[in-house]
Amino acid sequence: MKNGLNLSTESIRNMQSKMAQEIREKRKSKQILIMTHQILGYPDFETNYEMIRLFHECGVDLIELQLPFSEPTADGPVFLRANQASLERGTTVEQCLDFARKVTAEFNIPFIFMTYYNILYQYGVERFIAECSRIGIRGLIVPDAFPEESQVYMEACRTSGVDPILIVTPYTPPERLAYLSSQTGGFLYCVARKGVTGSRTTFEHEQALFLESCRQAAHTPTAVGFGIQDRSDVQYLTGKTDIAIIGTQLLKVLEAEGLSGVRSLLHSMTAS
């Protein structure tokens, strides 16, 4: 027993997560899965849709949809600017939910929401998570929702069948890593380095040790994000994690080269 929760019971629940099982099944035929990221409303919902259609065409395995927030503390300057631009365009939570309802119905890919706890709090935590379940959102990444401090959030996820995806870093102590691994749903999000999104990660021996400790602790598949920019990064992660998460680099390429550039980047990353 820890923090009032039975870890063995939680571990069993995590191993039985439908999304975790689907990831394991897909990994039988793919060395590593790819998860992509979109900030909703940036540059507009029409482009969001075209990007998701492109992700589907290129064989992306999971898609992360970020609800824009005014103070995205885990995001670097590229995502911060995109969040602000989306909000300035008037993007609302309801618009994001409506968009998610459309794409989850059209594309057979697990969709995940990423956002911050204040959005859930303002909307109503239980109401928001129940709506996620109704529209087909499979998991939630909320960096500032800590399981021992957000029991309403964790319980609502369990009740609604939405996976609460928790985050660990190379600076997470072993005991904390074991605890978060036991509480996460779907997969464990492993941040490759200290800091915010956007900067390139130099993958070295230290990262390999961290990823091995995550795999040893995890009751779910693992995913790695922050700083993955090209095929060489994905190749490095192959065999060390189940999922490579590509975010900022996709947005940079979209802004510089358009959809054709994104297609080329994804083809290079997903080529066997």
C-alpha atoms as a PDB file:
ATOM      1  CA  MET A   1       0.000   0.000   0.000  1.00  0.00           C
ATOM      2  CA  LYS A   2       1.331   3.425  -0.977  1.00  0.00           C
ATOM      3  CA  ASN A   3      -0.316   6.856  -0.914  1.00  0.00           C
ATOM      4  CA  GLY A   4      -3.586   5.102  -0.099  1.00  0.00           C
ATOM      5  CA  LEU A   5      -3.586   3.005  -3.288  1.00  0.00           C
ATOM      6  CA  ASN A   6      -3.000  -0.710  -3.713  1.00  0.00           C
ATOM      7  CA  LEU A   7      -0.151  -0.994  -6.197  1.00  0.00           C
ATOM      8  CA  SER A   8      -0.733  -4.629  -7.102  1.00  0.00           C
ATOM      9  CA  THR A   9      -4.364  -3.906  -7.956  1.00  0.00           C
ATOM     10  CA  GLU A  10      -3.313  -0.889 -10.010  1.00  0.00           C
ATOM     11  CA  SER A  11      -0.661  -2.897 -11.817  1.00  0.00           C
ATOM     12  CA  ILE A  12      -3.243  -5.490 -12.839  1.00  0.00           C
ATOM     13  CA  ARG A  13      -5.531  -2.735 -14.109  1.00  0.00           C
ATOM     14  CA  ASN A  14      -2.692  -1.200 -16.128  1.00  0.00           C
ATOM     15  CA  MET A  15      -1.721  -4.504 -17.726  1.00  0.00           C
ATOM     16  CA  GLN A  16      -5.355  -4.952 -18.758  1.00  0.00           C
ATOM     17  CA  SER A  17      -5.641  -1.476 -20.344  1.00  0.00           C
ATOM     18  CA  LYS A  18      -7.158  -1.902 -23.785  1.00  0.00           C
ATOM     19  CA  MET A  19      -4.774   0.623 -25.326  1.00  0.00           C
ATOM     20  CA  ALA A  20      -1.774  -1.073 -23.701  1.00  0.00           C
ATOM     21  CA  GLN A  21      -2.881  -4.397 -25.113  1.00  0.00           C
ATOM     22  CA  GLU A  22      -3.336  -2.881 -28.581  1.00  0.00           C
ATOM     23  CA  ILE A  23       0.148  -1.357 -28.441  1.00  0.00           C
ATOM     24  CA  ARG A  24       1.660  -4.711 -27.457  1.00  0.00           C
ATOM     25  CA  GLU A  25      -0.218  -6.454 -30.242  1.00  0.00           C
ATOM     26  CA  LYS A  26       0.912  -3.925 -32.841  1.00  0.00           C
ATOM     27  CA  ARG A  27       4.498  -4.179 -31.636  1.00  0.00           C
ATOM     28  CA  LYS A  28       4.517  -7.827 -32.701  1.00  0.00           C
ATOM     29  CA  SER A  29       4.726  -6.650 -36.318  1.00  0.00           C
ATOM     30  CA  LYS A  30       6.549  -3.306 -35.866  1.00  0.00           C
ATOM     31  CA  GLN A  31       9.891  -2.665 -34.181  1.00  0.00           C
ATOM     32  CA  ILE A  32       8.739   0.703 -32.869  1.00  0.00           C
ATOM     33  CA  LEU A  33       5.490   2.677 -33.053  1.00  0.00           C
ATOM     34  CA  ILE A  34       5.176   6.367 -33.945  1.00  0.00           C
ATOM     35  CA  MET A  35       3.002   8.875 -32.099  1.00  0.00           C
ATOM     36  CA  THR A  36       2.515  12.348 -33.557  1.00  0.00           C
ATOM     37  CA  HIS A  37       1.326  15.603 -32.011  1.00  0.00           C
ATOM     38  CA  GLN A  38      -1.034  18.399 -33.064  1.00  0.00           C
ATOM     39  CA  ILE A  39      -1.930  21.652 -31.302  1.00  0.00           C
ATOM     40  CA  LEU A  40      -5.612  22.080 -32.007  1.00  0.00           C
ATOM     41  CA  GLY A  41      -6.601  25.274 -33.764  1.00  0.00           C
ATOM     42  CA  TYR A  42      -3.079  25.937 -35.036  1.00  0.00           C
ATOM     43  CA  PRO A  43      -2.656  27.092 -37.643  1.00  0.00           C
ATOM     44  CA  ASP A  44      -6.351  26.223 -38.023  1.00  0.00           C
ATOM     45  CA  PHE A  45      -8.640  23.215 -37.673  1.00  0.00           C
ATOM     46  CA  GLU A  46      -8.618  22.624 -41.416  1.00  0.00           C
ATOM     47  CA  THR A  47      -4.856  22.091 -41.358  1.00  0.00           C
ATOM     48  CA  ASN A  48      -5.194  19.946 -38.224  1.00  0.00           C
ATOM     49  CA  TYR A  49      -7.541  17.695 -40.175  1.00  0.00           C
ATOM     50  CA  GLU A  50      -5.233  17.487 -43.204  1.00  0.00           C
ATOM     51  CA  MET A  51      -2.319  16.637 -40.914  1.00  0.00           C
ATOM     52  CA  ILE A  52      -4.292  13.836 -39.264  1.00  0.00           C
ATOM     53  CA  ARG A  53      -5.325  12.473 -42.643  1.00  0.00           C
ATOM     54  CA  LEU A  54      -1.634  12.523 -43.591  1.00  0.00           C
ATOM     55  CA  PHE A  55      -0.673  10.770 -40.343  1.00  0.00           C
ATOM     56  CA  HIS A  56      -3.158   8.026 -41.180  1.00  0.00           C
ATOM     57  CA  GLU A  57      -1.806   7.735 -44.725  1.00  0.00           C
ATOM     58  CA  CYS A  58       1.780   7.451 -43.438  1.00  0.00           C
ATOM     59  CA  GLY A  59       1.003   4.694 -40.945  1.00  0.00           C
ATOM     60  CA  VAL A  60       1.239   6.680 -37.715  1.00  0.00           C
ATOM     61  CA  ASP A  61       0.155   4.528 -34.775  1.00  0.00           C
ATOM     62  CA  LEU A  62      -1.142   7.031 -32.179  1.00  0.00           C
ATOM     63  CA  ILE A  63      -2.063  10.727 -32.337  1.00  0.00           C
ATOM     64  CA  GLU A  64      -1.771  13.271 -29.532  1.00  0.00           C
ATOM     65  CA  LEU A  65      -4.124  16.260 -29.729  1.00  0.00           C
ATOM     66  CA  GLN A  66      -3.163  19.213 -27.536  1.00  0.00           C
ATOM     67  CA  LEU A  67      -5.838  21.551 -26.247  1.00  0.00           C
ATOM     68  CA  PRO A  68      -4.247  25.025 -26.300  1.00  0.00           C
ATOM     69  CA  PHE A  69      -3.512  26.631 -22.942  1.00  0.00           C
ATOM     70  CA  SER A  70      -2.212  30.065 -22.003  1.00  0.00           C
ATOM     71  CA  GLU A  71       0.630  28.800 -19.784  1.00  0.00           C
ATOM     72  CA  PRO A  72       1.848  25.470 -21.209  1.00  0.00           C
ATOM     73  CA  THR A  73       4.719  24.930 -18.774  1.00  0.00           C
ATOM     74  CA  ALA A  74       6.071  21.751 -20.412  1.00  0.00           C
ATOM     75  CA  ASP A  75       6.226  23.351 -23.872  1.00  0.00           C
ATOM     76  CA  GLY A  76       9.157  25.059 -25.548  1.00  0.00           C
ATOM     77  CA  PRO A  77       9.020  28.274 -27.597  1.00  0.00           C
ATOM     78  CA  VAL A  78       7.638  26.697 -30.796  1.00  0.00           C
ATOM     79  CA  PHE A  79       4.683  25.106 -29.027  1.00  0.00           C
ATOM     80  CA  LEU A  80       4.230  28.144 -26.766  1.00  0.00           C
ATOM     81  CA  ARG A  81       3.837  30.383 -29.814  1.00  0.00           C
ATOM     82  CA  ALA A  82       1.399  27.923 -31.401  1.00  0.00           C
ATOM     83  CA  ASN A  83      -0.673  27.718 -28.210  1.00  0.00           C
ATOM     84  CA  GLN A  84      -0.904  31.487 -28.033  1.00  0.00           C
ATOM     85  CA  ALA A  85      -1.798  31.831 -31.719  1.00  0.00           C
ATOM     86  CA  SER A  86      -4.549  29.226 -31.406  1.00  0.00           C
ATOM     87  CA  LEU A  87      -6.048  30.992 -28.395  1.00  0.00           C
ATOM     88  CA  GLU A  88      -5.850  34.354 -30.153  1.00  0.00           C
ATOM     89  CA  ARG A  89      -7.863  32.826 -33.000  1.00  0.00           C
ATOM     90  CA  GLY A  90     -10.565  32.072 -30.429  1.00  0.00           C
ATOM     91  CA  THR A  91     -10.122  28.308 -30.090  1.00  0.00           C
ATOM     92  CA  THR A  92     -12.379  26.910 -27.364  1.00  0.00           C
ATOM     93  CA  VAL A  93     -12.542  23.634 -25.475  1.00  0.00           C
ATOM     94  CA  GLU A  94     -15.879  22.876 -27.117  1.00  0.00           C
ATOM     95  CA  GLN A  95     -14.374  23.335 -30.577  1.00  0.00           C
ATOM     96  CA  CYS A  96     -11.572  20.942 -29.656  1.00  0.00           C
ATOM     97  CA  LEU A  97     -14.063  18.359 -28.405  1.00  0.00           C
ATOM     98  CA  ASP A  98     -16.136  18.701 -31.561  1.00  0.00           C
ATOM     99  CA  PHE A  99     -13.049  18.287 -33.738  1.00  0.00           C
ATOM    100  CA  ALA A 100     -11.929  15.235 -31.756  1.00  0.00           C
ATOM    101  CA  ARG A 101     -15.393  13.710 -32.111  1.00  0.00           C
ATOM    102  CA  LYS A 102     -15.057  14.038 -35.892  1.00  0.00           C
ATOM    103  CA  VAL A 103     -11.585  12.549 -36.275  1.00  0.00           C
ATOM    104  CA  THR A 104     -12.045   9.686 -33.814  1.00  0.00           C
ATOM    105  CA  ALA A 105     -15.093   8.608 -35.806  1.00  0.00           C
ATOM    106  CA  GLU A 106     -13.274   8.839 -39.144  1.00  0.00           C
ATOM    107  CA  PHE A 107      -9.792   7.477 -38.423  1.00  0.00           C
ATOM    108  CA  ASN A 108      -9.085   4.142 -36.772  1.00  0.00           C
ATOM    109  CA  ILE A 109      -6.134   5.365 -34.685  1.00  0.00           C
ATOM    110  CA  PRO A 110      -5.949   5.793 -30.888  1.00  0.00           C
ATOM    111  CA  PHE A 111      -6.322   9.506 -30.121  1.00  0.00           C
ATOM    112  CA  ILE A 112      -4.987  11.042 -26.908  1.00  0.00           C
ATOM    113  CA  PHE A 113      -5.637  14.485 -25.461  1.00  0.00           C
ATOM    114  CA  MET A 114      -2.781  16.488 -23.958  1.00  0.00           C
ATOM    115  CA  THR A 115      -3.594  19.552 -21.868  1.00  0.00           C
ATOM    116  CA  TYR A 116      -3.213  21.121 -18.424  1.00  0.00           C
ATOM    117  CA  TYR A 117      -5.239  20.589 -15.297  1.00  0.00           C
ATOM    118  CA  ASN A 118      -6.767  24.058 -15.172  1.00  0.00           C
ATOM    119  CA  ILE A 119      -8.718  23.312 -18.364  1.00  0.00           C
ATOM    120  CA  LEU A 120     -10.170  20.179 -16.767  1.00  0.00           C
ATOM    121  CA  TYR A 121     -10.901  22.070 -13.551  1.00  0.00           C
ATOM    122  CA  GLN A 122     -12.713  24.901 -15.338  1.00  0.00           C
ATOM    123  CA  TYR A 123     -14.733  22.480 -17.477  1.00  0.00           C
ATOM    124  CA  GLY A 124     -15.386  20.081 -14.591  1.00  0.00           C
ATOM    125  CA  VAL A 125     -12.927  17.218 -14.199  1.00  0.00           C
ATOM    126  CA  GLU A 126     -15.439  14.373 -14.169  1.00  0.00           C
ATOM    127  CA  ARG A 127     -17.543  15.988 -16.906  1.00  0.00           C
ATOM    128  CA  PHE A 128     -14.495  16.503 -19.135  1.00  0.00           C
ATOM    129  CA  ILE A 129     -13.241  12.948 -18.777  1.00  0.00           C
ATOM    130  CA  ALA A 130     -16.705  11.478 -19.324  1.00  0.00           C
ATOM    131  CA  GLU A 131     -16.951  13.529 -22.522  1.00  0.00           C
ATOM    132  CA  CYS A 132     -13.528  12.254 -23.618  1.00  0.00           C
ATOM    133  CA  SER A 133     -14.820   8.721 -23.218  1.00  0.00           C
ATOM    134  CA  ARG A 134     -18.004   9.481 -25.176  1.00  0.00           C
ATOM    135  CA  ILE A 135     -16.148  10.939 -28.156  1.00  0.00           C
ATOM    136  CA  GLY A 136     -13.536   8.181 -28.337  1.00  0.00           C
ATOM    137  CA  ILE A 137     -10.460   9.758 -26.724  1.00  0.00           C
ATOM    138  CA  ARG A 138      -8.371   6.865 -25.417  1.00  0.00           C
ATOM    139  CA  GLY A 139      -6.020   8.582 -22.983  1.00  0.00           C
ATOM    140  CA  LEU A 140      -5.055  11.849 -21.313  1.00  0.00           C
ATOM    141  CA  ILE A 141      -1.636  13.444 -20.798  1.00  0.00           C
ATOM    142  CA  VAL A 142      -1.927  16.151 -18.129  1.00  0.00           C
ATOM    143  CA  PRO A 143       1.597  17.060 -16.964  1.00  0.00           C
ATOM    144  CA  ASP A 144       0.457  18.934 -13.851  1.00  0.00           C
ATOM    145  CA  ALA A 145      -2.001  16.263 -12.632  1.00  0.00           C
ATOM    146  CA  PHE A 146      -0.068  14.245 -10.050  1.00  0.00           C
ATOM    147  CA  PRO A 147      -1.865  11.013  -9.093  1.00  0.00           C
ATOM    148  CA  GLU A 148      -1.615  11.404  -5.312  1.00  0.00           C
ATOM    149  CA  GLU A 149      -2.876  15.005  -5.544  1.00  0.00           C
ATOM    150  CA  SER A 150      -5.484  14.489  -8.276  1.00  0.00           C
ATOM    151  CA  GLN A 151      -7.539  11.580  -7.019  1.00  0.00           C
ATOM    152  CA  VAL A 152     -10.731  12.924  -8.623  1.00  0.00           C
ATOM    153  CA  TYR A 153      -8.917  12.917 -11.976  1.00  0.00           C
ATOM    154  CA  MET A 154      -7.507   9.418 -11.506  1.00  0.00           C
ATOM    155  CA  GLU A 155     -10.823   7.972 -10.354  1.00  0.00           C
ATOM    156  CA  ALA A 156     -12.735   9.640 -13.194  1.00  0.00           C
ATOM    157  CA  CYS A 157     -10.291   8.131 -15.682  1.00  0.00           C
ATOM    158  CA  ARG A 158     -10.791   4.678 -14.169  1.00  0.00           C
ATOM    159  CA  THR A 159     -14.559   5.055 -14.186  1.00  0.00           C
ATOM    160  CA  SER A 160     -14.691   6.328 -17.772  1.00  0.00           C
ATOM    161  CA  GLY A 161     -12.136   3.920 -19.225  1.00  0.00           C
ATOM    162  CA  VAL A 162      -9.790   6.729 -20.286  1.00  0.00           C
ATOM    163  CA  ASP A 163      -6.106   6.013 -19.623  1.00  0.00           C
ATOM    164  CA  PRO A 164      -4.298   8.554 -17.393  1.00  0.00           C
ATOM    165  CA  ILE A 165      -0.860   8.656 -19.028  1.00  0.00           C
ATOM    166  CA  LEU A 166       1.799   9.712 -16.529  1.00  0.00           C
ATOM    167  CA  ILE A 167       5.220  11.235 -17.150  1.00  0.00           C
ATOM    168  CA  VAL A 168       8.678  10.370 -15.828  1.00  0.00           C
ATOM    169  CA  THR A 169      12.068  12.007 -16.483  1.00  0.00           C
ATOM    170  CA  PRO A 170      15.708  11.008 -16.051  1.00  0.00           C
ATOM    171  CA  TYR A 171      15.539  12.845 -12.712  1.00  0.00           C
ATOM    172  CA  THR A 172      12.624  10.844 -11.327  1.00  0.00           C
ATOM    173  CA  PRO A 173      13.904   8.903  -8.271  1.00  0.00           C
ATOM    174  CA  PRO A 174      13.604   5.086  -8.482  1.00  0.00           C
ATOM    175  CA  GLU A 175      10.853   4.873  -5.852  1.00  0.00           C
ATOM    176  CA  ARG A 176       8.848   7.583  -7.619  1.00  0.00           C
ATOM    177  CA  LEU A 177       9.412   5.870 -10.976  1.00  0.00           C
ATOM    178  CA  ALA A 178       8.004   2.634  -9.579  1.00  0.00           C
ATOM    179  CA  TYR A 179       4.966   4.456  -8.180  1.00  0.00           C
ATOM    180  CA  LEU A 180       4.167   6.408 -11.364  1.00  0.00           C
ATOM    181  CA  SER A 181       4.705   3.276 -13.444  1.00  0.00           C
ATOM    182  CA  SER A 182       2.112   1.487 -11.332  1.00  0.00           C
ATOM    183  CA  GLN A 183      -0.433   4.296 -11.746  1.00  0.00           C
ATOM    184  CA  THR A 184      -0.119   5.135 -15.442  1.00  0.00           C
ATOM    185  CA  GLY A 185      -2.546   3.797 -18.007  1.00  0.00           C
ATOM    186  CA  GLY A 186      -1.969   2.913 -21.657  1.00  0.00           C
ATOM    187  CA  PHE A 187       1.745   3.643 -21.602  1.00  0.00           C
ATOM    188  CA  LEU A 188       4.395   5.392 -19.533  1.00  0.00           C
ATOM    189  CA  TYR A 189       5.581   8.689 -21.048  1.00  0.00           C
ATOM    190  CA  CYS A 190       9.364   8.923 -20.654  1.00  0.00           C
ATOM    191  CA  VAL A 191      10.793  12.420 -21.143  1.00  0.00           C
ATOM    192  CA  ALA A 192      14.187  11.989 -22.785  1.00  0.00           C
ATOM    193  CA  ARG A 193      15.880  14.928 -21.083  1.00  0.00           C
ATOM    194  CA  LYS A 194      15.499  17.825 -18.676  1.00  0.00           C
ATOM    195  CA  GLY A 195      13.695  20.929 -19.958  1.00  0.00           C
ATOM    196  CA  VAL A 196      10.808  21.704 -22.277  1.00  0.00           C
ATOM    197  CA  THR A 197       9.840  20.454 -25.723  1.00  0.00           C
ATOM    198  CA  GLY A 198      11.597  21.530 -28.899  1.00  0.00           C
ATOM    199  CA  SER A 199      15.345  21.252 -28.403  1.00  0.00           C
ATOM    200  CA  ARG A 200      17.125  18.283 -29.902  1.00  0.00           C
ATOM    201  CA  THR A 201      17.993  15.459 -27.526  1.00  0.00           C
ATOM    202  CA  THR A 202      21.476  13.992 -27.812  1.00  0.00           C
ATOM    203  CA  PHE A 203      20.899  10.328 -27.113  1.00  0.00           C
ATOM    204  CA  GLU A 204      23.803   8.914 -25.159  1.00  0.00           C
ATOM    205  CA  HIS A 205      24.562   6.227 -22.581  1.00  0.00           C
ATOM    206  CA  GLU A 206      22.695   8.136 -19.867  1.00  0.00           C
ATOM    207  CA  GLN A 207      19.453   8.035 -21.866  1.00  0.00           C
ATOM    208  CA  ALA A 208      19.899   4.317 -22.556  1.00  0.00           C
ATOM    209  CA  LEU A 209      20.218   3.610 -18.818  1.00  0.00           C
ATOM    210  CA  PHE A 210      17.143   5.720 -18.086  1.00  0.00           C
ATOM    211  CA  LEU A 211      15.044   3.983 -20.728  1.00  0.00           C
ATOM    212  CA  GLU A 212      16.101   0.582 -19.448  1.00  0.00           C
ATOM    213  CA  SER A 213      15.045   1.560 -15.914  1.00  0.00           C
ATOM    214  CA  CYS A 214      11.681   2.685 -17.301  1.00  0.00           C
ATOM    215  CA  ARG A 215      11.157  -0.622 -19.110  1.00  0.00           C
ATOM    216  CA  GLN A 216      12.093  -2.550 -15.987  1.00  0.00           C
ATOM    217  CA  ALA A 217       9.639  -0.563 -13.843  1.00  0.00           C
ATOM    218  CA  ALA A 218       6.757  -0.276 -16.301  1.00  0.00           C
ATOM    219  CA  HIS A 219       3.664  -2.485 -16.250  1.00  0.00           C
ATOM    220  CA  THR A 220       2.649  -0.879 -19.561  1.00  0.00           C
ATOM    221  CA  PRO A 221       4.433  -0.140 -22.820  1.00  0.00           C
ATOM    222  CA  THR A 222       6.764   2.869 -22.743  1.00  0.00           C
ATOM    223  CA  ALA A 223       6.978   5.930 -24.995  1.00  0.00           C
ATOM    224  CA  VAL A 224       9.753   8.475 -25.415  1.00  0.00           C
ATOM    225  CA  GLY A 225       9.246  12.134 -26.265  1.00  0.00           C
ATOM    226  CA  PHE A 226      11.097  15.484 -26.300  1.00  0.00           C
ATOM    227  CA  GLY A 227      13.673  16.193 -28.987  1.00  0.00           C
ATOM    228  CA  ILE A 228      13.030  13.405 -31.510  1.00  0.00           C
ATOM    229  CA  GLN A 229      13.751  14.977 -34.871  1.00  0.00           C
ATOM    230  CA  ASP A 230      14.748  12.457 -37.520  1.00  0.00           C
ATOM    231  CA  ARG A 231      15.166   8.842 -38.546  1.00  0.00           C
ATOM    232  CA  SER A 232      18.425   8.434 -36.629  1.00  0.00           C
ATOM    233  CA  ASP A 233      16.639   9.281 -33.366  1.00  0.00           C
ATOM    234  CA  VAL A 234      13.915   6.730 -34.088  1.00  0.00           C
ATOM    235  CA  GLN A 235      16.534   4.134 -34.959  1.00  0.00           C
ATOM    236  CA  TYR A 236      18.353   4.790 -31.681  1.00  0.00           C
ATOM    237  CA  LEU A 237      15.126   4.286 -29.725  1.00  0.00           C
ATOM    238  CA  THR A 238      14.223   1.059 -31.523  1.00  0.00           C
ATOM    239  CA  GLY A 239      14.586  -1.772 -29.041  1.00  0.00           C
ATOM    240  CA  LYS A 240      14.700   0.653 -26.118  1.00  0.00           C
ATOM    241  CA  THR A 241      11.051   1.740 -26.086  1.00  0.00           C
ATOM    242  CA  ASP A 242       7.727   0.881 -27.711  1.00  0.00           C
ATOM    243  CA  ILE A 243       6.738   4.333 -29.018  1.00  0.00           C
ATOM    244  CA  ALA A 244       8.659   7.339 -30.374  1.00  0.00           C
ATOM    245  CA  ILE A 245       6.783  10.632 -30.006  1.00  0.00           C
ATOM    246  CA  ILE A 246       7.358  13.331 -32.639  1.00  0.00           C
ATOM    247  CA  GLY A 247       5.977  16.796 -31.939  1.00  0.00           C
ATOM    248  CA  THR A 248       7.893  20.039 -32.386  1.00  0.00           C
ATOM    249  CA  GLN A 249       9.800  18.834 -35.447  1.00  0.00           C
ATOM    250  CA  LEU A 250       6.527  18.123 -37.253  1.00  0.00           C
ATOM    251  CA  LEU A 251       5.330  21.657 -36.570  1.00  0.00           C
ATOM    252  CA  LYS A 252       8.634  23.187 -37.708  1.00  0.00           C
ATOM    253  CA  VAL A 253       8.510  21.218 -40.955  1.00  0.00           C
ATOM    254  CA  LEU A 254       4.840  22.102 -41.514  1.00  0.00           C
ATOM    255  CA  GLU A 255       5.607  25.807 -41.150  1.00  0.00           C
ATOM    256  CA  ALA A 256       8.687  25.649 -43.378  1.00  0.00           C
ATOM    257  CA  GLU A 257       7.710  23.108 -46.045  1.00  0.00           C
ATOM    258  CA  GLY A 258       3.975  22.466 -45.760  1.00  0.00           C
ATOM    259  CA  LEU A 259       2.230  19.103 -45.878  1.00  0.00           C
ATOM    260  CA  SER A 260       4.619  17.674 -48.480  1.00  0.00           C
ATOM    261  CA  GLY A 261       7.513  18.225 -46.087  1.00  0.00           C
ATOM    262  CA  VAL A 262       5.630  16.516 -43.265  1.00  0.00           C
ATOM    263  CA  ARG A 263       4.906  13.573 -45.554  1.00  0.00           C
ATOM    264  CA  SER A 264       8.589  13.212 -46.395  1.00  0.00           C
ATOM    265  CA  LEU A 265       9.617  13.409 -42.731  1.00  0.00           C
ATOM    266  CA  LEU A 266       7.078  10.775 -41.672  1.00  0.00           C
ATOM    267  CA  HIS A 267       7.974   8.445 -44.525  1.00  0.00           C
ATOM    268  CA  SER A 268      11.604   8.613 -43.493  1.00  0.00           C
ATOM    269  CA  MET A 269      10.752   7.863 -39.871  1.00  0.00           C
ATOM    270  CA  THR A 270       8.321   5.017 -40.543  1.00  0.00           C
ATOM    271  CA  ALA A 271      10.359   3.267 -43.243  1.00  0.00           C
ATOM    272  CA  SER A 272      11.379  -0.214 -42.109  1.00  0.00           C
END
